[in-house]
Amino acid sequence: NLVVVFLLCGLWHGPSWNFVVWGL
């Protein structure tokens, strides 16, 4: 759940890999 929530937080900031990695 923690990983999913923070991946979604990253995606919320924008559709870019840097945001996904930041959330991860």
PDBML (XML) file of the C-alpha atoms, coordinates in Angstrom:
<?xml version="1.0" encoding="UTF-8" ?>
<PDBx:datablock datablockName="MODEL"
   xmlns:PDBx="http://pdbml.pdb.org/schema/pdbx-v50.xsd"
   xmlns:xsi="http://www.w3.org/2001/XMLSchema-instance"
   xsi:schemaLocation="http://pdbml.pdb.org/schema/pdbx-v50.xsd pdbx-v50.xsd">
   <PDBx:atom_siteCategory>
      <PDBx:atom_site id="1">
         <PDBx:B_iso_or_equiv>0.00</PDBx:B_iso_or_equiv>
         <PDBx:Cartn_x>0.000</PDBx:Cartn_x>
         <PDBx:Cartn_y>0.000</PDBx:Cartn_y>
         <PDBx:Cartn_z>0.000</PDBx:Cartn_z>
         <PDBx:auth_asym_id>A</PDBx:auth_asym_id>
         <PDBx:auth_atom_id>CA</PDBx:auth_atom_id>
         <PDBx:auth_comp_id>ASN</PDBx:auth_comp_id>
         <PDBx:auth_seq_id>1</PDBx:auth_seq_id>
         <PDBx:group_PDB>ATOM</PDBx:group_PDB>
         <PDBx:label_alt_id xsi:nil="true" />
         <PDBx:label_asym_id>A</PDBx:label_asym_id>
         <PDBx:label_atom_id>CA</PDBx:label_atom_id>
         <PDBx:label_comp_id>ASN</PDBx:label_comp_id>
         <PDBx:label_entity_id>1</PDBx:label_entity_id>
         <PDBx:label_seq_id>1</PDBx:label_seq_id>
         <PDBx:occupancy>1.00</PDBx:occupancy>
         <PDBx:pdbx_PDB_model_num>1</PDBx:pdbx_PDB_model_num>
         <PDBx:type_symbol>C</PDBx:type_symbol>
      </PDBx:atom_site>
      <PDBx:atom_site id="2">
         <PDBx:B_iso_or_equiv>0.00</PDBx:B_iso_or_equiv>
         <PDBx:Cartn_x>2.847</PDBx:Cartn_x>
         <PDBx:Cartn_y>2.399</PDBx:Cartn_y>
         <PDBx:Cartn_z>0.756</PDBx:Cartn_z>
         <PDBx:auth_asym_id>A</PDBx:auth_asym_id>
         <PDBx:auth_atom_id>CA</PDBx:auth_atom_id>
         <PDBx:auth_comp_id>LEU</PDBx:auth_comp_id>
         <PDBx:auth_seq_id>2</PDBx:auth_seq_id>
         <PDBx:group_PDB>ATOM</PDBx:group_PDB>
         <PDBx:label_alt_id xsi:nil="true" />
         <PDBx:label_asym_id>A</PDBx:label_asym_id>
         <PDBx:label_atom_id>CA</PDBx:label_atom_id>
         <PDBx:label_comp_id>LEU</PDBx:label_comp_id>
         <PDBx:label_entity_id>1</PDBx:label_entity_id>
         <PDBx:label_seq_id>2</PDBx:label_seq_id>
         <PDBx:occupancy>1.00</PDBx:occupancy>
         <PDBx:pdbx_PDB_model_num>1</PDBx:pdbx_PDB_model_num>
         <PDBx:type_symbol>C</PDBx:type_symbol>
      </PDBx:atom_site>
      <PDBx:atom_site id="3">
         <PDBx:B_iso_or_equiv>0.00</PDBx:B_iso_or_equiv>
         <PDBx:Cartn_x>4.434</PDBx:Cartn_x>
         <PDBx:Cartn_y>1.791</PDBx:Cartn_y>
         <PDBx:Cartn_z>-2.638</PDBx:Cartn_z>
         <PDBx:auth_asym_id>A</PDBx:auth_asym_id>
         <PDBx:auth_atom_id>CA</PDBx:auth_atom_id>
         <PDBx:auth_comp_id>VAL</PDBx:auth_comp_id>
         <PDBx:auth_seq_id>3</PDBx:auth_seq_id>
         <PDBx:group_PDB>ATOM</PDBx:group_PDB>
         <PDBx:label_alt_id xsi:nil="true" />
         <PDBx:label_asym_id>A</PDBx:label_asym_id>
         <PDBx:label_atom_id>CA</PDBx:label_atom_id>
         <PDBx:label_comp_id>VAL</PDBx:label_comp_id>
         <PDBx:label_entity_id>1</PDBx:label_entity_id>
         <PDBx:label_seq_id>3</PDBx:label_seq_id>
         <PDBx:occupancy>1.00</PDBx:occupancy>
         <PDBx:pdbx_PDB_model_num>1</PDBx:pdbx_PDB_model_num>
         <PDBx:type_symbol>C</PDBx:type_symbol>
      </PDBx:atom_site>
      <PDBx:atom_site id="4">
         <PDBx:B_iso_or_equiv>0.00</PDBx:B_iso_or_equiv>
         <PDBx:Cartn_x>1.094</PDBx:Cartn_x>
         <PDBx:Cartn_y>2.167</PDBx:Cartn_y>
         <PDBx:Cartn_z>-4.442</PDBx:Cartn_z>
         <PDBx:auth_asym_id>A</PDBx:auth_asym_id>
         <PDBx:auth_atom_id>CA</PDBx:auth_atom_id>
         <PDBx:auth_comp_id>VAL</PDBx:auth_comp_id>
         <PDBx:auth_seq_id>4</PDBx:auth_seq_id>
         <PDBx:group_PDB>ATOM</PDBx:group_PDB>
         <PDBx:label_alt_id xsi:nil="true" />
         <PDBx:label_asym_id>A</PDBx:label_asym_id>
         <PDBx:label_atom_id>CA</PDBx:label_atom_id>
         <PDBx:label_comp_id>VAL</PDBx:label_comp_id>
         <PDBx:label_entity_id>1</PDBx:label_entity_id>
         <PDBx:label_seq_id>4</PDBx:label_seq_id>
         <PDBx:occupancy>1.00</PDBx:occupancy>
         <PDBx:pdbx_PDB_model_num>1</PDBx:pdbx_PDB_model_num>
         <PDBx:type_symbol>C</PDBx:type_symbol>
      </PDBx:atom_site>
      <PDBx:atom_site id="5">
         <PDBx:B_iso_or_equiv>0.00</PDBx:B_iso_or_equiv>
         <PDBx:Cartn_x>0.239</PDBx:Cartn_x>
         <PDBx:Cartn_y>5.401</PDBx:Cartn_y>
         <PDBx:Cartn_z>-2.614</PDBx:Cartn_z>
         <PDBx:auth_asym_id>A</PDBx:auth_asym_id>
         <PDBx:auth_atom_id>CA</PDBx:auth_atom_id>
         <PDBx:auth_comp_id>VAL</PDBx:auth_comp_id>
         <PDBx:auth_seq_id>5</PDBx:auth_seq_id>
         <PDBx:group_PDB>ATOM</PDBx:group_PDB>
         <PDBx:label_alt_id xsi:nil="true" />
         <PDBx:label_asym_id>A</PDBx:label_asym_id>
         <PDBx:label_atom_id>CA</PDBx:label_atom_id>
         <PDBx:label_comp_id>VAL</PDBx:label_comp_id>
         <PDBx:label_entity_id>1</PDBx:label_entity_id>
         <PDBx:label_seq_id>5</PDBx:label_seq_id>
         <PDBx:occupancy>1.00</PDBx:occupancy>
         <PDBx:pdbx_PDB_model_num>1</PDBx:pdbx_PDB_model_num>
         <PDBx:type_symbol>C</PDBx:type_symbol>
      </PDBx:atom_site>
      <PDBx:atom_site id="6">
         <PDBx:B_iso_or_equiv>0.00</PDBx:B_iso_or_equiv>
         <PDBx:Cartn_x>3.606</PDBx:Cartn_x>
         <PDBx:Cartn_y>6.987</PDBx:Cartn_y>
         <PDBx:Cartn_z>-3.307</PDBx:Cartn_z>
         <PDBx:auth_asym_id>A</PDBx:auth_asym_id>
         <PDBx:auth_atom_id>CA</PDBx:auth_atom_id>
         <PDBx:auth_comp_id>PHE</PDBx:auth_comp_id>
         <PDBx:auth_seq_id>6</PDBx:auth_seq_id>
         <PDBx:group_PDB>ATOM</PDBx:group_PDB>
         <PDBx:label_alt_id xsi:nil="true" />
         <PDBx:label_asym_id>A</PDBx:label_asym_id>
         <PDBx:label_atom_id>CA</PDBx:label_atom_id>
         <PDBx:label_comp_id>PHE</PDBx:label_comp_id>
         <PDBx:label_entity_id>1</PDBx:label_entity_id>
         <PDBx:label_seq_id>6</PDBx:label_seq_id>
         <PDBx:occupancy>1.00</PDBx:occupancy>
         <PDBx:pdbx_PDB_model_num>1</PDBx:pdbx_PDB_model_num>
         <PDBx:type_symbol>C</PDBx:type_symbol>
      </PDBx:atom_site>
      <PDBx:atom_site id="7">
         <PDBx:B_iso_or_equiv>0.00</PDBx:B_iso_or_equiv>
         <PDBx:Cartn_x>3.646</PDBx:Cartn_x>
         <PDBx:Cartn_y>5.843</PDBx:Cartn_y>
         <PDBx:Cartn_z>-6.928</PDBx:Cartn_z>
         <PDBx:auth_asym_id>A</PDBx:auth_asym_id>
         <PDBx:auth_atom_id>CA</PDBx:auth_atom_id>
         <PDBx:auth_comp_id>LEU</PDBx:auth_comp_id>
         <PDBx:auth_seq_id>7</PDBx:auth_seq_id>
         <PDBx:group_PDB>ATOM</PDBx:group_PDB>
         <PDBx:label_alt_id xsi:nil="true" />
         <PDBx:label_asym_id>A</PDBx:label_asym_id>
         <PDBx:label_atom_id>CA</PDBx:label_atom_id>
         <PDBx:label_comp_id>LEU</PDBx:label_comp_id>
         <PDBx:label_entity_id>1</PDBx:label_entity_id>
         <PDBx:label_seq_id>7</PDBx:label_seq_id>
         <PDBx:occupancy>1.00</PDBx:occupancy>
         <PDBx:pdbx_PDB_model_num>1</PDBx:pdbx_PDB_model_num>
         <PDBx:type_symbol>C</PDBx:type_symbol>
      </PDBx:atom_site>
      <PDBx:atom_site id="8">
         <PDBx:B_iso_or_equiv>0.00</PDBx:B_iso_or_equiv>
         <PDBx:Cartn_x>0.263</PDBx:Cartn_x>
         <PDBx:Cartn_y>7.513</PDBx:Cartn_y>
         <PDBx:Cartn_z>-7.301</PDBx:Cartn_z>
         <PDBx:auth_asym_id>A</PDBx:auth_asym_id>
         <PDBx:auth_atom_id>CA</PDBx:auth_atom_id>
         <PDBx:auth_comp_id>LEU</PDBx:auth_comp_id>
         <PDBx:auth_seq_id>8</PDBx:auth_seq_id>
         <PDBx:group_PDB>ATOM</PDBx:group_PDB>
         <PDBx:label_alt_id xsi:nil="true" />
         <PDBx:label_asym_id>A</PDBx:label_asym_id>
         <PDBx:label_atom_id>CA</PDBx:label_atom_id>
         <PDBx:label_comp_id>LEU</PDBx:label_comp_id>
         <PDBx:label_entity_id>1</PDBx:label_entity_id>
         <PDBx:label_seq_id>8</PDBx:label_seq_id>
         <PDBx:occupancy>1.00</PDBx:occupancy>
         <PDBx:pdbx_PDB_model_num>1</PDBx:pdbx_PDB_model_num>
         <PDBx:type_symbol>C</PDBx:type_symbol>
      </PDBx:atom_site>
      <PDBx:atom_site id="9">
         <PDBx:B_iso_or_equiv>0.00</PDBx:B_iso_or_equiv>
         <PDBx:Cartn_x>1.658</PDBx:Cartn_x>
         <PDBx:Cartn_y>10.645</PDBx:Cartn_y>
         <PDBx:Cartn_z>-5.618</PDBx:Cartn_z>
         <PDBx:auth_asym_id>A</PDBx:auth_asym_id>
         <PDBx:auth_atom_id>CA</PDBx:auth_atom_id>
         <PDBx:auth_comp_id>CYS</PDBx:auth_comp_id>
         <PDBx:auth_seq_id>9</PDBx:auth_seq_id>
         <PDBx:group_PDB>ATOM</PDBx:group_PDB>
         <PDBx:label_alt_id xsi:nil="true" />
         <PDBx:label_asym_id>A</PDBx:label_asym_id>
         <PDBx:label_atom_id>CA</PDBx:label_atom_id>
         <PDBx:label_comp_id>CYS</PDBx:label_comp_id>
         <PDBx:label_entity_id>1</PDBx:label_entity_id>
         <PDBx:label_seq_id>9</PDBx:label_seq_id>
         <PDBx:occupancy>1.00</PDBx:occupancy>
         <PDBx:pdbx_PDB_model_num>1</PDBx:pdbx_PDB_model_num>
         <PDBx:type_symbol>C</PDBx:type_symbol>
      </PDBx:atom_site>
      <PDBx:atom_site id="10">
         <PDBx:B_iso_or_equiv>0.00</PDBx:B_iso_or_equiv>
         <PDBx:Cartn_x>4.443</PDBx:Cartn_x>
         <PDBx:Cartn_y>10.650</PDBx:Cartn_y>
         <PDBx:Cartn_z>-8.191</PDBx:Cartn_z>
         <PDBx:auth_asym_id>A</PDBx:auth_asym_id>
         <PDBx:auth_atom_id>CA</PDBx:auth_atom_id>
         <PDBx:auth_comp_id>GLY</PDBx:auth_comp_id>
         <PDBx:auth_seq_id>10</PDBx:auth_seq_id>
         <PDBx:group_PDB>ATOM</PDBx:group_PDB>
         <PDBx:label_alt_id xsi:nil="true" />
         <PDBx:label_asym_id>A</PDBx:label_asym_id>
         <PDBx:label_atom_id>CA</PDBx:label_atom_id>
         <PDBx:label_comp_id>GLY</PDBx:label_comp_id>
         <PDBx:label_entity_id>1</PDBx:label_entity_id>
         <PDBx:label_seq_id>10</PDBx:label_seq_id>
         <PDBx:occupancy>1.00</PDBx:occupancy>
         <PDBx:pdbx_PDB_model_num>1</PDBx:pdbx_PDB_model_num>
         <PDBx:type_symbol>C</PDBx:type_symbol>
      </PDBx:atom_site>
      <PDBx:atom_site id="11">
         <PDBx:B_iso_or_equiv>0.00</PDBx:B_iso_or_equiv>
         <PDBx:Cartn_x>1.986</PDBx:Cartn_x>
         <PDBx:Cartn_y>10.237</PDBx:Cartn_y>
         <PDBx:Cartn_z>-11.053</PDBx:Cartn_z>
         <PDBx:auth_asym_id>A</PDBx:auth_asym_id>
         <PDBx:auth_atom_id>CA</PDBx:auth_atom_id>
         <PDBx:auth_comp_id>LEU</PDBx:auth_comp_id>
         <PDBx:auth_seq_id>11</PDBx:auth_seq_id>
         <PDBx:group_PDB>ATOM</PDBx:group_PDB>
         <PDBx:label_alt_id xsi:nil="true" />
         <PDBx:label_asym_id>A</PDBx:label_asym_id>
         <PDBx:label_atom_id>CA</PDBx:label_atom_id>
         <PDBx:label_comp_id>LEU</PDBx:label_comp_id>
         <PDBx:label_entity_id>1</PDBx:label_entity_id>
         <PDBx:label_seq_id>11</PDBx:label_seq_id>
         <PDBx:occupancy>1.00</PDBx:occupancy>
         <PDBx:pdbx_PDB_model_num>1</PDBx:pdbx_PDB_model_num>
         <PDBx:type_symbol>C</PDBx:type_symbol>
      </PDBx:atom_site>
      <PDBx:atom_site id="12">
         <PDBx:B_iso_or_equiv>0.00</PDBx:B_iso_or_equiv>
         <PDBx:Cartn_x>-0.170</PDBx:Cartn_x>
         <PDBx:Cartn_y>12.996</PDBx:Cartn_y>
         <PDBx:Cartn_z>-9.599</PDBx:Cartn_z>
         <PDBx:auth_asym_id>A</PDBx:auth_asym_id>
         <PDBx:auth_atom_id>CA</PDBx:auth_atom_id>
         <PDBx:auth_comp_id>TRP</PDBx:auth_comp_id>
         <PDBx:auth_seq_id>12</PDBx:auth_seq_id>
         <PDBx:group_PDB>ATOM</PDBx:group_PDB>
         <PDBx:label_alt_id xsi:nil="true" />
         <PDBx:label_asym_id>A</PDBx:label_asym_id>
         <PDBx:label_atom_id>CA</PDBx:label_atom_id>
         <PDBx:label_comp_id>TRP</PDBx:label_comp_id>
         <PDBx:label_entity_id>1</PDBx:label_entity_id>
         <PDBx:label_seq_id>12</PDBx:label_seq_id>
         <PDBx:occupancy>1.00</PDBx:occupancy>
         <PDBx:pdbx_PDB_model_num>1</PDBx:pdbx_PDB_model_num>
         <PDBx:type_symbol>C</PDBx:type_symbol>
      </PDBx:atom_site>
      <PDBx:atom_site id="13">
         <PDBx:B_iso_or_equiv>0.00</PDBx:B_iso_or_equiv>
         <PDBx:Cartn_x>2.742</PDBx:Cartn_x>
         <PDBx:Cartn_y>15.396</PDBx:Cartn_y>
         <PDBx:Cartn_z>-10.096</PDBx:Cartn_z>
         <PDBx:auth_asym_id>A</PDBx:auth_asym_id>
         <PDBx:auth_atom_id>CA</PDBx:auth_atom_id>
         <PDBx:auth_comp_id>HIS</PDBx:auth_comp_id>
         <PDBx:auth_seq_id>13</PDBx:auth_seq_id>
         <PDBx:group_PDB>ATOM</PDBx:group_PDB>
         <PDBx:label_alt_id xsi:nil="true" />
         <PDBx:label_asym_id>A</PDBx:label_asym_id>
         <PDBx:label_atom_id>CA</PDBx:label_atom_id>
         <PDBx:label_comp_id>HIS</PDBx:label_comp_id>
         <PDBx:label_entity_id>1</PDBx:label_entity_id>
         <PDBx:label_seq_id>13</PDBx:label_seq_id>
         <PDBx:occupancy>1.00</PDBx:occupancy>
         <PDBx:pdbx_PDB_model_num>1</PDBx:pdbx_PDB_model_num>
         <PDBx:type_symbol>C</PDBx:type_symbol>
      </PDBx:atom_site>
      <PDBx:atom_site id="14">
         <PDBx:B_iso_or_equiv>0.00</PDBx:B_iso_or_equiv>
         <PDBx:Cartn_x>2.967</PDBx:Cartn_x>
         <PDBx:Cartn_y>14.516</PDBx:Cartn_y>
         <PDBx:Cartn_z>-13.764</PDBx:Cartn_z>
         <PDBx:auth_asym_id>A</PDBx:auth_asym_id>
         <PDBx:auth_atom_id>CA</PDBx:auth_atom_id>
         <PDBx:auth_comp_id>GLY</PDBx:auth_comp_id>
         <PDBx:auth_seq_id>14</PDBx:auth_seq_id>
         <PDBx:group_PDB>ATOM</PDBx:group_PDB>
         <PDBx:label_alt_id xsi:nil="true" />
         <PDBx:label_asym_id>A</PDBx:label_asym_id>
         <PDBx:label_atom_id>CA</PDBx:label_atom_id>
         <PDBx:label_comp_id>GLY</PDBx:label_comp_id>
         <PDBx:label_entity_id>1</PDBx:label_entity_id>
         <PDBx:label_seq_id>14</PDBx:label_seq_id>
         <PDBx:occupancy>1.00</PDBx:occupancy>
         <PDBx:pdbx_PDB_model_num>1</PDBx:pdbx_PDB_model_num>
         <PDBx:type_symbol>C</PDBx:type_symbol>
      </PDBx:atom_site>
      <PDBx:atom_site id="15">
         <PDBx:B_iso_or_equiv>0.00</PDBx:B_iso_or_equiv>
         <PDBx:Cartn_x>3.283</PDBx:Cartn_x>
         <PDBx:Cartn_y>11.788</PDBx:Cartn_y>
         <PDBx:Cartn_z>-16.384</PDBx:Cartn_z>
         <PDBx:auth_asym_id>A</PDBx:auth_asym_id>
         <PDBx:auth_atom_id>CA</PDBx:auth_atom_id>
         <PDBx:auth_comp_id>PRO</PDBx:auth_comp_id>
         <PDBx:auth_seq_id>15</PDBx:auth_seq_id>
         <PDBx:group_PDB>ATOM</PDBx:group_PDB>
         <PDBx:label_alt_id xsi:nil="true" />
         <PDBx:label_asym_id>A</PDBx:label_asym_id>
         <PDBx:label_atom_id>CA</PDBx:label_atom_id>
         <PDBx:label_comp_id>PRO</PDBx:label_comp_id>
         <PDBx:label_entity_id>1</PDBx:label_entity_id>
         <PDBx:label_seq_id>15</PDBx:label_seq_id>
         <PDBx:occupancy>1.00</PDBx:occupancy>
         <PDBx:pdbx_PDB_model_num>1</PDBx:pdbx_PDB_model_num>
         <PDBx:type_symbol>C</PDBx:type_symbol>
      </PDBx:atom_site>
      <PDBx:atom_site id="16">
         <PDBx:B_iso_or_equiv>0.00</PDBx:B_iso_or_equiv>
         <PDBx:Cartn_x>7.060</PDBx:Cartn_x>
         <PDBx:Cartn_y>11.569</PDBx:Cartn_y>
         <PDBx:Cartn_z>-16.312</PDBx:Cartn_z>
         <PDBx:auth_asym_id>A</PDBx:auth_asym_id>
         <PDBx:auth_atom_id>CA</PDBx:auth_atom_id>
         <PDBx:auth_comp_id>SER</PDBx:auth_comp_id>
         <PDBx:auth_seq_id>16</PDBx:auth_seq_id>
         <PDBx:group_PDB>ATOM</PDBx:group_PDB>
         <PDBx:label_alt_id xsi:nil="true" />
         <PDBx:label_asym_id>A</PDBx:label_asym_id>
         <PDBx:label_atom_id>CA</PDBx:label_atom_id>
         <PDBx:label_comp_id>SER</PDBx:label_comp_id>
         <PDBx:label_entity_id>1</PDBx:label_entity_id>
         <PDBx:label_seq_id>16</PDBx:label_seq_id>
         <PDBx:occupancy>1.00</PDBx:occupancy>
         <PDBx:pdbx_PDB_model_num>1</PDBx:pdbx_PDB_model_num>
         <PDBx:type_symbol>C</PDBx:type_symbol>
      </PDBx:atom_site>
      <PDBx:atom_site id="17">
         <PDBx:B_iso_or_equiv>0.00</PDBx:B_iso_or_equiv>
         <PDBx:Cartn_x>9.467</PDBx:Cartn_x>
         <PDBx:Cartn_y>8.890</PDBx:Cartn_y>
         <PDBx:Cartn_z>-15.146</PDBx:Cartn_z>
         <PDBx:auth_asym_id>A</PDBx:auth_asym_id>
         <PDBx:auth_atom_id>CA</PDBx:auth_atom_id>
         <PDBx:auth_comp_id>TRP</PDBx:auth_comp_id>
         <PDBx:auth_seq_id>17</PDBx:auth_seq_id>
         <PDBx:group_PDB>ATOM</PDBx:group_PDB>
         <PDBx:label_alt_id xsi:nil="true" />
         <PDBx:label_asym_id>A</PDBx:label_asym_id>
         <PDBx:label_atom_id>CA</PDBx:label_atom_id>
         <PDBx:label_comp_id>TRP</PDBx:label_comp_id>
         <PDBx:label_entity_id>1</PDBx:label_entity_id>
         <PDBx:label_seq_id>17</PDBx:label_seq_id>
         <PDBx:occupancy>1.00</PDBx:occupancy>
         <PDBx:pdbx_PDB_model_num>1</PDBx:pdbx_PDB_model_num>
         <PDBx:type_symbol>C</PDBx:type_symbol>
      </PDBx:atom_site>
      <PDBx:atom_site id="18">
         <PDBx:B_iso_or_equiv>0.00</PDBx:B_iso_or_equiv>
         <PDBx:Cartn_x>11.227</PDBx:Cartn_x>
         <PDBx:Cartn_y>11.256</PDBx:Cartn_y>
         <PDBx:Cartn_z>-12.767</PDBx:Cartn_z>
         <PDBx:auth_asym_id>A</PDBx:auth_asym_id>
         <PDBx:auth_atom_id>CA</PDBx:auth_atom_id>
         <PDBx:auth_comp_id>ASN</PDBx:auth_comp_id>
         <PDBx:auth_seq_id>18</PDBx:auth_seq_id>
         <PDBx:group_PDB>ATOM</PDBx:group_PDB>
         <PDBx:label_alt_id xsi:nil="true" />
         <PDBx:label_asym_id>A</PDBx:label_asym_id>
         <PDBx:label_atom_id>CA</PDBx:label_atom_id>
         <PDBx:label_comp_id>ASN</PDBx:label_comp_id>
         <PDBx:label_entity_id>1</PDBx:label_entity_id>
         <PDBx:label_seq_id>18</PDBx:label_seq_id>
         <PDBx:occupancy>1.00</PDBx:occupancy>
         <PDBx:pdbx_PDB_model_num>1</PDBx:pdbx_PDB_model_num>
         <PDBx:type_symbol>C</PDBx:type_symbol>
      </PDBx:atom_site>
      <PDBx:atom_site id="19">
         <PDBx:B_iso_or_equiv>0.00</PDBx:B_iso_or_equiv>
         <PDBx:Cartn_x>7.980</PDBx:Cartn_x>
         <PDBx:Cartn_y>11.702</PDBx:Cartn_y>
         <PDBx:Cartn_z>-10.816</PDBx:Cartn_z>
         <PDBx:auth_asym_id>A</PDBx:auth_asym_id>
         <PDBx:auth_atom_id>CA</PDBx:auth_atom_id>
         <PDBx:auth_comp_id>PHE</PDBx:auth_comp_id>
         <PDBx:auth_seq_id>19</PDBx:auth_seq_id>
         <PDBx:group_PDB>ATOM</PDBx:group_PDB>
         <PDBx:label_alt_id xsi:nil="true" />
         <PDBx:label_asym_id>A</PDBx:label_asym_id>
         <PDBx:label_atom_id>CA</PDBx:label_atom_id>
         <PDBx:label_comp_id>PHE</PDBx:label_comp_id>
         <PDBx:label_entity_id>1</PDBx:label_entity_id>
         <PDBx:label_seq_id>19</PDBx:label_seq_id>
         <PDBx:occupancy>1.00</PDBx:occupancy>
         <PDBx:pdbx_PDB_model_num>1</PDBx:pdbx_PDB_model_num>
         <PDBx:type_symbol>C</PDBx:type_symbol>
      </PDBx:atom_site>
      <PDBx:atom_site id="20">
         <PDBx:B_iso_or_equiv>0.00</PDBx:B_iso_or_equiv>
         <PDBx:Cartn_x>7.352</PDBx:Cartn_x>
         <PDBx:Cartn_y>7.951</PDBx:Cartn_y>
         <PDBx:Cartn_z>-10.768</PDBx:Cartn_z>
         <PDBx:auth_asym_id>A</PDBx:auth_asym_id>
         <PDBx:auth_atom_id>CA</PDBx:auth_atom_id>
         <PDBx:auth_comp_id>VAL</PDBx:auth_comp_id>
         <PDBx:auth_seq_id>20</PDBx:auth_seq_id>
         <PDBx:group_PDB>ATOM</PDBx:group_PDB>
         <PDBx:label_alt_id xsi:nil="true" />
         <PDBx:label_asym_id>A</PDBx:label_asym_id>
         <PDBx:label_atom_id>CA</PDBx:label_atom_id>
         <PDBx:label_comp_id>VAL</PDBx:label_comp_id>
         <PDBx:label_entity_id>1</PDBx:label_entity_id>
         <PDBx:label_seq_id>20</PDBx:label_seq_id>
         <PDBx:occupancy>1.00</PDBx:occupancy>
         <PDBx:pdbx_PDB_model_num>1</PDBx:pdbx_PDB_model_num>
         <PDBx:type_symbol>C</PDBx:type_symbol>
      </PDBx:atom_site>
      <PDBx:atom_site id="21">
         <PDBx:B_iso_or_equiv>0.00</PDBx:B_iso_or_equiv>
         <PDBx:Cartn_x>10.878</PDBx:Cartn_x>
         <PDBx:Cartn_y>7.286</PDBx:Cartn_y>
         <PDBx:Cartn_z>-9.464</PDBx:Cartn_z>
         <PDBx:auth_asym_id>A</PDBx:auth_asym_id>
         <PDBx:auth_atom_id>CA</PDBx:auth_atom_id>
         <PDBx:auth_comp_id>VAL</PDBx:auth_comp_id>
         <PDBx:auth_seq_id>21</PDBx:auth_seq_id>
         <PDBx:group_PDB>ATOM</PDBx:group_PDB>
         <PDBx:label_alt_id xsi:nil="true" />
         <PDBx:label_asym_id>A</PDBx:label_asym_id>
         <PDBx:label_atom_id>CA</PDBx:label_atom_id>
         <PDBx:label_comp_id>VAL</PDBx:label_comp_id>
         <PDBx:label_entity_id>1</PDBx:label_entity_id>
         <PDBx:label_seq_id>21</PDBx:label_seq_id>
         <PDBx:occupancy>1.00</PDBx:occupancy>
         <PDBx:pdbx_PDB_model_num>1</PDBx:pdbx_PDB_model_num>
         <PDBx:type_symbol>C</PDBx:type_symbol>
      </PDBx:atom_site>
      <PDBx:atom_site id="22">
         <PDBx:B_iso_or_equiv>0.00</PDBx:B_iso_or_equiv>
         <PDBx:Cartn_x>10.474</PDBx:Cartn_x>
         <PDBx:Cartn_y>10.100</PDBx:Cartn_y>
         <PDBx:Cartn_z>-6.922</PDBx:Cartn_z>
         <PDBx:auth_asym_id>A</PDBx:auth_asym_id>
         <PDBx:auth_atom_id>CA</PDBx:auth_atom_id>
         <PDBx:auth_comp_id>TRP</PDBx:auth_comp_id>
         <PDBx:auth_seq_id>22</PDBx:auth_seq_id>
         <PDBx:group_PDB>ATOM</PDBx:group_PDB>
         <PDBx:label_alt_id xsi:nil="true" />
         <PDBx:label_asym_id>A</PDBx:label_asym_id>
         <PDBx:label_atom_id>CA</PDBx:label_atom_id>
         <PDBx:label_comp_id>TRP</PDBx:label_comp_id>
         <PDBx:label_entity_id>1</PDBx:label_entity_id>
         <PDBx:label_seq_id>22</PDBx:label_seq_id>
         <PDBx:occupancy>1.00</PDBx:occupancy>
         <PDBx:pdbx_PDB_model_num>1</PDBx:pdbx_PDB_model_num>
         <PDBx:type_symbol>C</PDBx:type_symbol>
      </PDBx:atom_site>
      <PDBx:atom_site id="23">
         <PDBx:B_iso_or_equiv>0.00</PDBx:B_iso_or_equiv>
         <PDBx:Cartn_x>7.282</PDBx:Cartn_x>
         <PDBx:Cartn_y>8.480</PDBx:Cartn_y>
         <PDBx:Cartn_z>-5.595</PDBx:Cartn_z>
         <PDBx:auth_asym_id>A</PDBx:auth_asym_id>
         <PDBx:auth_atom_id>CA</PDBx:auth_atom_id>
         <PDBx:auth_comp_id>GLY</PDBx:auth_comp_id>
         <PDBx:auth_seq_id>23</PDBx:auth_seq_id>
         <PDBx:group_PDB>ATOM</PDBx:group_PDB>
         <PDBx:label_alt_id xsi:nil="true" />
         <PDBx:label_asym_id>A</PDBx:label_asym_id>
         <PDBx:label_atom_id>CA</PDBx:label_atom_id>
         <PDBx:label_comp_id>GLY</PDBx:label_comp_id>
         <PDBx:label_entity_id>1</PDBx:label_entity_id>
         <PDBx:label_seq_id>23</PDBx:label_seq_id>
         <PDBx:occupancy>1.00</PDBx:occupancy>
         <PDBx:pdbx_PDB_model_num>1</PDBx:pdbx_PDB_model_num>
         <PDBx:type_symbol>C</PDBx:type_symbol>
      </PDBx:atom_site>
      <PDBx:atom_site id="24">
         <PDBx:B_iso_or_equiv>0.00</PDBx:B_iso_or_equiv>
         <PDBx:Cartn_x>8.841</PDBx:Cartn_x>
         <PDBx:Cartn_y>5.014</PDBx:Cartn_y>
         <PDBx:Cartn_z>-5.639</PDBx:Cartn_z>
         <PDBx:auth_asym_id>A</PDBx:auth_asym_id>
         <PDBx:auth_atom_id>CA</PDBx:auth_atom_id>
         <PDBx:auth_comp_id>LEU</PDBx:auth_comp_id>
         <PDBx:auth_seq_id>24</PDBx:auth_seq_id>
         <PDBx:group_PDB>ATOM</PDBx:group_PDB>
         <PDBx:label_alt_id xsi:nil="true" />
         <PDBx:label_asym_id>A</PDBx:label_asym_id>
         <PDBx:label_atom_id>CA</PDBx:label_atom_id>
         <PDBx:label_comp_id>LEU</PDBx:label_comp_id>
         <PDBx:label_entity_id>1</PDBx:label_entity_id>
         <PDBx:label_seq_id>24</PDBx:label_seq_id>
         <PDBx:occupancy>1.00</PDBx:occupancy>
         <PDBx:pdbx_PDB_model_num>1</PDBx:pdbx_PDB_model_num>
         <PDBx:type_symbol>C</PDBx:type_symbol>
      </PDBx:atom_site>
   </PDBx:atom_siteCategory>
</PDBx:datablock>
